[in-house]
Amino acid sequence: MKPGGEYSRDSRYITTRITADGHDGFPVQPGRYRLVVSRACPWASRAVIVRRLLGLERALPMAIAGPTHDERSWTFDLDPGGRDPVLGIERLQEAYVARDPGYDGGITVPAIVDVRTGKVVTNDFAQLTIDMSLEWMPHHRDGAPALYPPALRAEIDAVNEVVYKDVNNGVYRAGFAGSQEAYAEAYERLFSRLDWLSKRLEVSRYLVGGTITEADVRLFTTLVRFDTVYHGHFKCNRQKLSEIPVLWAYARDLFQTPGFGDTVDFDHIKRHYYTVHRDINPTMIVPVGPDLSAWLEPHDRADLGGRPFGDGTPPKPVAREEAVPASHTPLAA
C-alpha cells in the first residue's frame, strides 16, 4: 500500500524465459515443463486461453490448483491426495523454494515449473503468453491464430499497457484502496478507460485489427469477472458490464468463441475472491448469483466484420480431463 491508501501490486517476478534458443538456460522442449494455473486467477486465465487457442496442450501440460489459498501458497487440493500427480507437491510454494530457498516474492500463478528439477522457471505472466505465441511456434496446432502478429505488435503493446494500468489492475486498485481518495481515483480511471474501450469497439469487432489478438485475451479475463466479482466485491459499481452495451456484446462474442468461455470456471472465480479476501468480505459468504445464462445471448458482433481466427481455425473441443465442470459454466446448459 502506497502513502495515501493507493494499492500497489508486487511486480517482482521471476523473469527467466523459456525460448527456442534456450538463451536463459531453458530451451523449449515439449513435455519438459508444467504450466501451473488456477482458473480463479485472471492472470493465469490468460495463459489457459492462449495455450488452448494455440494448441499447446500436449507440448505444455497443465496443473490446475484449487480456487483458494492461504498466506503461504496455492494448493493442489483438486488432485487425489492433495498433490499434483506430476510434480508431487502439495503447494506451489514448494517449487518456488526449490528455485530459491530464500525466495520472498509472491507465490503467483501462472507459473511454469521445470518437471526435471521441480523448480519454477518463470511467473512473469505478461511475457509468458507472448513467448507461447513466438517461442513455442513449432509446437502450435495446425490452424493456430496469430495472437501477436508482427505488423500489429506496437499497437497491441500500447493497448495492453493502458488496459493493464486502468482496467486489469485498475479493478484491484479500487477494491484494495486504503482511503476514499485512492478508491475514487481508481474508480474514475477504470470507468474512463472502459468508456474509451467502448468507443473503440463500436466500430471494430476486436481491439487491434480484424482478428483475436493478445490484447483481446488480456481484456477478456477482467471483463468476464466484472459482474460476478468486481462490480460488488471491489465496488466498481458505476455500471455492471451487462449495462455497458458495446463491452457486454464484445465480451459475449469472445465468451462464445472456442478457447475463451470454455476455460471459464465461475464457481472457482467466486469462491476465490469471496473467501480469500477476508478483509473485504469477512463473512466469506459466496454469492449465489448472478444468472450466467445471459452470456449465451446473441451478440451481433459479426456484423462488424472480422474473423476470430484469421486464416486459422477454431481449437478442437476441450479435452475431458481439462473441461470445466458443467455446473460451473453456462456453456453446458
Protein backbone atom coordinates (compact mmCIF):
# COMPACT_ATOMS: atom_id res chain seq x y z
CA MET A 1 0.00 0.00 0.00
CA LYS A 2 1.38 3.39 -1.01
CA PRO A 3 1.02 6.56 1.10
CA GLY A 4 -2.49 7.89 0.71
CA GLY A 5 -4.01 4.42 0.61
CA GLU A 6 -3.25 3.58 -3.03
CA TYR A 7 -2.95 -0.14 -3.73
CA SER A 8 0.41 -1.19 -5.17
CA ARG A 9 0.85 -4.60 -6.81
CA ASP A 10 4.05 -6.52 -6.04
CA SER A 11 5.61 -6.70 -9.51
CA ARG A 12 8.73 -8.65 -8.62
CA TYR A 13 8.54 -11.59 -10.99
CA ILE A 14 10.93 -14.36 -11.95
CA THR A 15 11.72 -13.22 -15.47
CA THR A 16 13.68 -16.23 -16.73
CA ARG A 17 12.37 -17.12 -20.18
CA ILE A 18 11.78 -20.40 -21.97
CA THR A 19 12.94 -19.75 -25.52
CA ALA A 20 13.59 -21.56 -28.78
CA ASP A 21 17.36 -21.00 -28.47
CA GLY A 22 17.45 -21.56 -24.69
CA HIS A 23 19.50 -18.43 -24.05
CA ASP A 24 18.31 -18.31 -20.43
CA GLY A 25 19.16 -21.96 -19.94
CA PHE A 26 15.63 -23.22 -20.57
CA PRO A 27 15.00 -24.30 -24.17
CA VAL A 28 11.52 -25.03 -25.47
CA GLN A 29 11.06 -28.79 -25.09
CA PRO A 30 7.63 -30.44 -25.29
CA GLY A 31 6.73 -32.19 -22.05
CA ARG A 32 9.63 -30.80 -20.03
CA TYR A 33 7.63 -28.08 -18.28
CA ARG A 34 4.35 -27.83 -16.40
CA LEU A 35 2.11 -24.76 -16.55
CA VAL A 36 0.57 -24.20 -13.11
CA VAL A 37 -2.64 -22.17 -13.05
CA SER A 38 -5.78 -21.53 -11.09
CA ARG A 39 -8.96 -20.92 -13.02
CA ALA A 40 -9.87 -18.32 -10.39
CA CYS A 41 -6.97 -16.02 -11.30
CA PRO A 42 -7.35 -13.60 -14.23
CA TRP A 43 -3.60 -13.54 -14.90
CA ALA A 44 -3.45 -17.33 -15.04
CA SER A 45 -6.61 -17.47 -17.15
CA ARG A 46 -4.78 -15.57 -19.88
CA ALA A 47 -2.26 -18.38 -20.12
CA VAL A 48 -5.01 -21.02 -20.15
CA ILE A 49 -6.75 -19.29 -23.06
CA VAL A 50 -3.59 -18.68 -25.10
CA ARG A 51 -2.41 -22.27 -24.56
CA ARG A 52 -5.75 -23.57 -25.79
CA LEU A 53 -6.01 -21.21 -28.79
CA LEU A 54 -2.50 -22.18 -29.91
CA GLY A 55 -2.99 -25.89 -29.27
CA LEU A 56 -0.13 -26.31 -26.81
CA GLU A 57 -1.94 -28.78 -24.55
CA ARG A 58 0.42 -31.68 -25.26
CA ALA A 59 3.61 -29.64 -25.53
CA LEU A 60 2.94 -27.75 -22.29
CA PRO A 61 0.89 -29.87 -19.84
CA MET A 62 -1.14 -28.00 -17.23
CA ALA A 63 -1.63 -28.35 -13.47
CA ILE A 64 -4.75 -26.74 -12.01
CA ALA A 65 -4.55 -25.50 -8.43
CA GLY A 66 -7.64 -25.07 -6.33
CA PRO A 67 -9.55 -21.79 -6.26
CA THR A 68 -8.47 -20.71 -2.78
CA HIS A 69 -5.17 -20.31 -0.97
CA ASP A 70 -3.82 -19.15 2.36
CA GLU A 71 -0.95 -16.78 3.12
CA ARG A 72 1.57 -19.42 2.06
CA SER A 73 0.51 -20.62 -1.35
CA TRP A 74 -1.88 -22.03 -3.90
CA THR A 75 -2.57 -25.71 -3.20
CA PHE A 76 -3.32 -28.75 -5.35
CA ASP A 77 -6.41 -29.74 -3.41
CA LEU A 78 -8.28 -30.70 -6.61
CA ASP A 79 -5.92 -33.63 -7.15
CA PRO A 80 -6.13 -37.01 -5.38
CA GLY A 81 -4.27 -36.84 -2.10
CA GLY A 82 -3.88 -33.07 -2.46
CA ARG A 83 -0.71 -33.40 -4.55
CA ASP A 84 -0.01 -32.57 -8.16
CA PRO A 85 0.42 -36.00 -9.78
CA VAL A 86 3.45 -34.95 -11.84
CA LEU A 87 5.33 -32.54 -9.56
CA GLY A 88 4.41 -34.45 -6.40
CA ILE A 89 3.93 -31.28 -4.37
CA GLU A 90 1.06 -30.07 -2.19
CA ARG A 91 1.78 -26.37 -2.54
CA LEU A 92 3.11 -24.28 -5.39
CA GLN A 93 5.34 -22.65 -2.77
CA GLU A 94 7.50 -25.78 -2.82
CA ALA A 95 8.51 -25.14 -6.44
CA TYR A 96 9.41 -21.53 -5.66
CA VAL A 97 11.54 -22.53 -2.68
CA ALA A 98 13.22 -25.23 -4.78
CA ARG A 99 14.27 -22.47 -7.16
CA ASP A 100 15.39 -20.11 -4.38
CA PRO A 101 15.37 -21.19 -0.70
CA GLY A 102 15.30 -17.52 0.29
CA TYR A 103 12.52 -16.52 -2.09
CA ASP A 104 10.43 -13.71 -0.61
CA GLY A 105 8.26 -12.67 -3.56
CA GLY A 106 4.69 -13.59 -4.35
CA ILE A 107 3.75 -17.23 -4.90
CA THR A 108 1.75 -16.44 -8.00
CA VAL A 109 0.06 -18.17 -10.93
CA PRO A 110 0.60 -18.65 -13.75
CA ALA A 111 3.97 -20.26 -13.16
CA ILE A 112 5.93 -22.65 -15.32
CA VAL A 113 7.83 -25.36 -13.46
CA ASP A 114 10.69 -27.47 -14.82
CA VAL A 115 9.49 -31.01 -14.18
CA ARG A 116 13.05 -32.39 -14.08
CA THR A 117 14.11 -30.24 -11.15
CA GLY A 118 10.78 -29.23 -9.61
CA LYS A 119 11.86 -25.58 -9.78
CA VAL A 120 9.85 -22.61 -11.01
CA VAL A 121 11.28 -21.23 -14.23
CA THR A 122 9.10 -18.14 -14.55
CA ASN A 123 5.99 -16.46 -13.21
CA ASP A 124 6.27 -13.42 -15.49
CA PHE A 125 2.66 -13.57 -16.69
CA ALA A 126 2.96 -10.79 -19.26
CA GLN A 127 5.95 -12.28 -21.09
CA LEU A 128 4.79 -15.85 -20.64
CA THR A 129 1.89 -15.66 -23.09
CA ILE A 130 3.93 -13.70 -25.65
CA ASP A 131 6.53 -16.47 -25.54
CA MET A 132 3.80 -19.06 -26.07
CA SER A 133 2.99 -17.28 -29.33
CA LEU A 134 6.56 -16.75 -30.52
CA GLU A 135 8.98 -19.19 -28.91
CA TRP A 136 6.67 -22.21 -28.93
CA MET A 137 5.53 -21.68 -32.52
CA PRO A 138 6.88 -25.01 -33.89
CA HIS A 139 4.52 -26.78 -31.50
CA HIS A 140 1.36 -24.84 -32.33
CA ARG A 141 -1.60 -26.75 -33.71
CA ASP A 142 -2.43 -26.57 -37.38
CA GLY A 143 -4.67 -23.54 -37.84
CA ALA A 144 -3.46 -21.73 -34.70
CA PRO A 145 -4.24 -17.99 -34.84
CA ALA A 146 -1.56 -15.30 -34.88
CA LEU A 147 -2.18 -13.68 -31.50
CA TYR A 148 0.85 -11.38 -31.69
CA PRO A 149 1.40 -10.65 -35.41
CA PRO A 150 4.50 -8.57 -36.26
CA ALA A 151 2.61 -5.77 -38.03
CA LEU A 152 0.35 -5.16 -35.02
CA ARG A 153 2.76 -5.63 -32.10
CA ALA A 154 3.37 -1.95 -31.39
CA GLU A 155 -0.38 -1.24 -31.27
CA ILE A 156 -1.09 -4.37 -29.22
CA ASP A 157 1.60 -3.36 -26.73
CA ALA A 158 0.20 0.17 -26.45
CA VAL A 159 -3.34 -1.05 -25.85
CA ASN A 160 -2.14 -3.67 -23.37
CA GLU A 161 -0.26 -1.06 -21.36
CA VAL A 162 -3.25 1.21 -20.75
CA VAL A 163 -5.65 -1.70 -20.24
CA TYR A 164 -3.31 -3.19 -17.64
CA LYS A 165 -2.93 0.07 -15.71
CA ASP A 166 -6.53 1.20 -15.75
CA VAL A 167 -8.60 -1.99 -16.12
CA ASN A 168 -6.77 -5.26 -15.33
CA ASN A 169 -5.01 -3.75 -12.32
CA GLY A 170 -7.50 -0.90 -12.03
CA VAL A 171 -10.21 -3.08 -10.51
CA TYR A 172 -7.72 -4.16 -7.84
CA ARG A 173 -6.70 -0.56 -7.20
CA ALA A 174 -10.34 0.19 -6.50
CA GLY A 175 -11.02 -2.96 -4.49
CA PHE A 176 -7.97 -2.75 -2.26
CA ALA A 177 -7.83 1.03 -1.88
CA GLY A 178 -6.98 2.10 1.65
CA SER A 179 -8.62 5.52 1.50
CA GLN A 180 -11.68 7.14 -0.04
CA GLU A 181 -9.47 9.34 -2.20
CA ALA A 182 -7.46 6.42 -3.59
CA TYR A 183 -10.64 4.47 -4.30
CA ALA A 184 -12.29 7.42 -6.08
CA GLU A 185 -9.23 7.96 -8.26
CA ALA A 186 -9.05 4.29 -9.25
CA TYR A 187 -12.81 4.22 -9.90
CA GLU A 188 -12.65 7.22 -12.23
CA ARG A 189 -9.67 5.83 -14.14
CA LEU A 190 -11.36 2.47 -14.54
CA PHE A 191 -14.62 3.76 -15.95
CA SER A 192 -12.95 6.39 -18.10
CA ARG A 193 -10.92 3.61 -19.69
CA LEU A 194 -14.00 1.41 -20.11
CA ASP A 195 -15.70 4.32 -21.89
CA TRP A 196 -12.64 4.65 -24.15
CA LEU A 197 -12.74 0.94 -24.91
CA SER A 198 -16.45 1.11 -25.70
CA LYS A 199 -15.88 3.84 -28.28
CA ARG A 200 -13.01 1.87 -29.81
CA LEU A 201 -15.11 -1.29 -30.04
CA GLU A 202 -18.18 0.43 -31.51
CA VAL A 203 -16.56 0.24 -34.93
CA SER A 204 -14.20 -2.72 -34.54
CA ARG A 205 -15.06 -6.26 -33.56
CA TYR A 206 -11.67 -6.76 -31.88
CA LEU A 207 -9.29 -4.42 -30.08
CA VAL A 208 -6.48 -4.46 -32.64
CA GLY A 209 -7.03 -5.48 -36.24
CA GLY A 210 -9.66 -7.83 -37.61
CA THR A 211 -8.84 -10.95 -35.60
CA ILE A 212 -8.40 -12.01 -31.99
CA THR A 213 -5.04 -10.95 -30.56
CA GLU A 214 -3.22 -10.97 -27.24
CA ALA A 215 -4.98 -7.68 -26.45
CA ASP A 216 -8.42 -9.30 -26.51
CA VAL A 217 -7.27 -12.14 -24.27
CA ARG A 218 -5.95 -9.70 -21.66
CA LEU A 219 -9.09 -7.59 -21.56
CA PHE A 220 -11.46 -10.57 -21.58
CA THR A 221 -10.23 -12.11 -18.34
CA THR A 222 -11.15 -8.92 -16.47
CA LEU A 223 -14.47 -8.40 -18.23
CA VAL A 224 -15.64 -11.96 -17.60
CA ARG A 225 -15.17 -11.42 -13.85
CA PHE A 226 -16.74 -7.97 -13.75
CA ASP A 227 -20.37 -8.59 -12.80
CA THR A 228 -19.60 -11.75 -10.83
CA VAL A 229 -16.93 -10.14 -8.64
CA TYR A 230 -15.63 -6.67 -9.38
CA HIS A 231 -18.93 -4.77 -9.51
CA GLY A 232 -19.86 -5.61 -5.92
CA HIS A 233 -16.82 -7.09 -4.20
CA PHE A 234 -14.42 -4.40 -5.49
CA LYS A 235 -17.02 -1.58 -5.52
CA CYS A 236 -16.64 -1.00 -9.28
CA ASN A 237 -20.30 -0.13 -9.40
CA ARG A 238 -20.98 2.76 -11.75
CA GLN A 239 -22.46 0.14 -14.05
CA LYS A 240 -22.42 -3.59 -14.45
CA LEU A 241 -20.74 -4.90 -17.57
CA SER A 242 -24.19 -6.04 -18.68
CA GLU A 243 -25.26 -2.37 -18.58
CA ILE A 244 -22.49 -1.22 -20.96
CA PRO A 245 -23.90 -2.34 -24.33
CA VAL A 246 -20.78 -2.40 -26.51
CA LEU A 247 -18.47 -4.02 -23.96
CA TRP A 248 -21.14 -6.51 -22.94
CA ALA A 249 -21.67 -7.61 -26.55
CA TYR A 250 -17.89 -7.77 -27.12
CA ALA A 251 -17.40 -9.89 -24.00
CA ARG A 252 -20.22 -12.27 -25.04
CA ASP A 253 -18.71 -12.57 -28.50
CA LEU A 254 -15.40 -13.70 -27.02
CA PHE A 255 -17.07 -15.91 -24.41
CA GLN A 256 -18.89 -17.78 -27.15
CA THR A 257 -15.68 -18.21 -29.16
CA PRO A 258 -13.97 -21.60 -28.63
CA GLY A 259 -10.97 -21.14 -26.35
CA PHE A 260 -12.50 -18.39 -24.20
CA GLY A 261 -15.74 -19.28 -22.43
CA ASP A 262 -14.90 -22.97 -22.31
CA THR A 263 -11.98 -22.16 -19.99
CA VAL A 264 -14.02 -20.02 -17.54
CA ASP A 265 -14.99 -21.52 -14.18
CA PHE A 266 -17.39 -19.11 -12.48
CA ASP A 267 -17.57 -21.24 -9.34
CA HIS A 268 -13.80 -21.07 -8.84
CA ILE A 269 -13.81 -17.34 -9.54
CA LYS A 270 -16.45 -16.61 -6.92
CA ARG A 271 -15.01 -18.93 -4.28
CA HIS A 272 -11.58 -17.37 -4.67
CA TYR A 273 -12.48 -13.71 -4.34
CA TYR A 274 -15.18 -14.01 -1.72
CA THR A 275 -13.34 -16.39 0.61
CA VAL A 276 -9.69 -15.36 0.22
CA HIS A 277 -10.22 -11.58 0.58
CA ARG A 278 -11.40 -11.73 4.18
CA ASP A 279 -10.56 -8.09 4.84
CA ILE A 280 -13.15 -7.15 2.20
CA ASN A 281 -15.63 -9.98 2.88
CA PRO A 282 -15.09 -11.15 6.46
CA THR A 283 -18.18 -13.40 6.46
CA MET A 284 -16.76 -15.33 3.47
CA ILE A 285 -20.31 -15.72 2.13
CA VAL A 286 -20.17 -16.53 -1.59
CA PRO A 287 -22.99 -15.01 -3.67
CA VAL A 288 -25.34 -17.39 -5.42
CA GLY A 289 -25.74 -15.17 -8.50
CA PRO A 290 -25.54 -13.67 -10.96
CA ASP A 291 -27.52 -15.57 -13.58
CA LEU A 292 -24.96 -16.79 -16.13
CA SER A 293 -27.35 -17.68 -18.94
CA ALA A 294 -27.08 -14.16 -20.42
CA TRP A 295 -23.53 -14.98 -21.54
CA LEU A 296 -25.10 -17.12 -24.27
CA GLU A 297 -27.42 -14.43 -25.67
CA PRO A 298 -26.81 -13.27 -29.28
CA HIS A 299 -24.19 -10.53 -29.58
CA ASP A 300 -24.45 -9.49 -33.26
CA ARG A 301 -20.76 -8.51 -33.30
CA ALA A 302 -20.16 -10.44 -36.51
CA ASP A 303 -21.92 -7.58 -38.31
CA LEU A 304 -18.74 -5.54 -37.75
CA GLY A 305 -16.74 -7.99 -39.87
CA GLY A 306 -13.50 -9.57 -38.80
CA ARG A 307 -12.65 -13.24 -38.45
CA PRO A 308 -11.88 -14.59 -34.98
CA PHE A 309 -9.03 -16.87 -36.08
CA GLY A 310 -7.96 -15.06 -39.23
CA ASP A 311 -6.75 -17.65 -41.72
CA GLY A 312 -6.73 -20.25 -38.95
CA THR A 313 -9.38 -22.43 -37.40
CA PRO A 314 -11.07 -22.83 -34.00
CA PRO A 315 -9.44 -25.17 -31.49
CA LYS A 316 -10.89 -28.63 -31.04
CA PRO A 317 -13.22 -29.29 -28.08
CA VAL A 318 -11.62 -29.20 -24.65
CA ALA A 319 -10.10 -32.49 -23.56
CA ARG A 320 -12.24 -34.26 -20.96
CA GLU A 321 -9.57 -34.03 -18.27
CA GLU A 322 -9.37 -30.24 -18.65
CA ALA A 323 -13.07 -29.48 -19.07
CA VAL A 324 -14.73 -27.03 -16.67
CA PRO A 325 -17.39 -28.84 -14.59
CA ALA A 326 -20.80 -28.50 -16.20
CA SER A 327 -22.29 -26.84 -13.12
CA HIS A 328 -19.64 -24.09 -13.22
CA THR A 329 -20.42 -22.76 -16.72
CA PRO A 330 -23.49 -21.80 -18.77
CA LEU A 331 -21.98 -23.48 -21.84
CA ALA A 332 -23.12 -26.89 -20.60
CA ALA A 333 -26.77 -25.83 -20.42
